[in-house]
Amino acid sequence: MNSTDNVDIRRNLIEVFKDEVPVLRTKARISQEIVTEKIGVSRQTYSSIETGKREMSWTVFLALLAYFQNNGLTRGALSKIDGFEEMVSQAIDENTKTNS
C-alpha cells in the first residue's frame, strides 16, 4: 500500500466517524466541554467538528477514538460500525510501516 492509499483510508475513517461522534458522546453521557478537556481542543473547534462545519484532523480523530475506545459506555458501539475496526487496524499498520 502506498501513502496515497493510507491517506484515503484515513479520510474514509474520518468520514465514517464524524457522524458517530455526537452519538458516542451522548452514549458516554458527557458534555462537549468534557470531551474538549480530554482531547485538548477548544470547545468551538469540537462543536464545529460535530456540526460538520470543520474537518476533523487525523490527530483529533485518534484522540477521540482513544477516548471512546476506553470508555465503557461507548467501546461496544465502535465495534458495531461496519468495517470500522478493520480500517483502523489497516491505517495504524500502514502508519507503523511508514515510520519504521
Protein backbone atom coordinates (compact mmCIF):
# COMPACT_ATOMS: atom_id res chain seq x y z
CA MET A 1 0.00 0.00 0.00
CA ASN A 2 1.34 3.42 -0.85
CA SER A 3 0.96 6.67 1.08
CA THR A 4 -1.94 7.78 -1.12
CA ASP A 5 -3.87 4.66 -0.11
CA ASN A 6 -3.18 5.40 3.55
CA VAL A 7 -4.44 8.96 3.14
CA ASP A 8 -7.60 7.56 1.54
CA ILE A 9 -8.09 5.14 4.44
CA ARG A 10 -7.68 8.00 6.90
CA ARG A 11 -10.21 10.13 5.03
CA ASN A 12 -12.67 7.24 4.93
CA LEU A 13 -12.25 6.62 8.65
CA ILE A 14 -12.84 10.26 9.48
CA GLU A 15 -15.85 10.38 7.17
CA VAL A 16 -17.45 7.36 8.85
CA PHE A 17 -16.51 8.50 12.35
CA LYS A 18 -17.68 12.12 12.10
CA ASP A 19 -21.34 11.11 12.06
CA GLU A 20 -20.83 8.81 15.04
CA VAL A 21 -19.10 11.34 17.30
CA PRO A 22 -22.26 13.09 18.61
CA VAL A 23 -23.91 9.70 19.16
CA LEU A 24 -20.87 8.38 21.02
CA ARG A 25 -20.68 11.50 23.17
CA THR A 26 -24.35 11.11 24.08
CA LYS A 27 -23.84 7.42 24.91
CA ALA A 28 -20.89 8.40 27.11
CA ARG A 29 -23.17 10.90 28.87
CA ILE A 30 -20.64 13.70 28.67
CA SER A 31 -20.75 17.31 27.55
CA GLN A 32 -18.75 18.84 24.74
CA GLU A 33 -16.71 20.63 27.38
CA ILE A 34 -15.60 17.37 28.97
CA VAL A 35 -14.62 15.93 25.58
CA THR A 36 -12.60 19.03 24.75
CA GLU A 37 -10.75 18.82 28.07
CA LYS A 38 -9.93 15.16 27.43
CA ILE A 39 -8.70 15.58 23.86
CA GLY A 40 -7.15 19.04 24.07
CA VAL A 41 -9.11 21.11 21.57
CA SER A 42 -11.25 24.18 22.08
CA ARG A 43 -14.97 23.79 22.57
CA GLN A 44 -15.52 25.91 19.46
CA THR A 45 -13.34 23.58 17.37
CA TYR A 46 -15.06 20.50 18.74
CA SER A 47 -18.53 21.96 18.21
CA SER A 48 -17.62 22.82 14.60
CA ILE A 49 -16.46 19.24 14.06
CA GLU A 50 -19.70 17.83 15.47
CA THR A 51 -21.84 20.10 13.31
CA GLY A 52 -19.79 19.41 10.18
CA LYS A 53 -18.57 22.99 9.81
CA ARG A 54 -14.96 21.90 10.27
CA GLU A 55 -12.95 18.92 9.07
CA MET A 56 -11.66 16.57 11.73
CA SER A 57 -7.88 16.24 11.68
CA TRP A 58 -6.18 12.87 11.98
CA THR A 59 -4.84 13.86 15.40
CA VAL A 60 -8.31 14.77 16.68
CA PHE A 61 -9.66 11.54 15.17
CA LEU A 62 -7.06 9.50 17.06
CA ALA A 63 -7.72 11.37 20.31
CA LEU A 64 -11.48 10.85 20.04
CA LEU A 65 -11.03 7.22 19.05
CA ALA A 66 -8.78 6.58 22.05
CA TYR A 67 -11.24 8.30 24.36
CA PHE A 68 -14.28 6.40 23.13
CA GLN A 69 -12.40 3.06 22.98
CA ASN A 70 -11.51 3.48 26.64
CA ASN A 71 -15.00 4.47 27.73
CA GLY A 72 -17.06 1.50 28.91
CA LEU A 73 -20.28 3.08 27.65
CA THR A 74 -19.03 3.56 24.07
CA ARG A 75 -16.49 0.78 23.47
CA GLY A 76 -19.12 -1.63 22.15
CA ALA A 77 -20.67 0.95 19.85
CA LEU A 78 -17.39 1.36 17.97
CA SER A 79 -17.26 -2.34 17.16
CA LYS A 80 -20.74 -2.09 15.60
CA ILE A 81 -19.68 0.44 12.96
CA ASP A 82 -19.44 -1.66 9.80
CA GLY A 83 -15.81 -2.25 8.79
CA PHE A 84 -14.52 0.46 11.11
CA GLU A 85 -12.18 -1.62 13.26
CA GLU A 86 -10.59 -3.20 10.20
CA MET A 87 -9.96 0.21 8.63
CA VAL A 88 -8.43 1.49 11.89
CA SER A 89 -6.12 -1.52 12.07
CA GLN A 90 -5.15 -1.08 8.43
CA ALA A 91 -4.35 2.62 8.88
CA ILE A 92 -2.32 2.01 12.03
CA ASP A 93 -0.42 -0.90 10.45
CA GLU A 94 0.41 1.22 7.42
CA ASN A 95 1.49 4.13 9.60
CA THR A 96 3.75 1.81 11.60
CA LYS A 97 5.39 0.51 8.39
CA THR A 98 5.91 4.05 7.11
CA ASN A 99 7.56 5.19 10.35
CA SER A 100 9.79 2.12 10.73
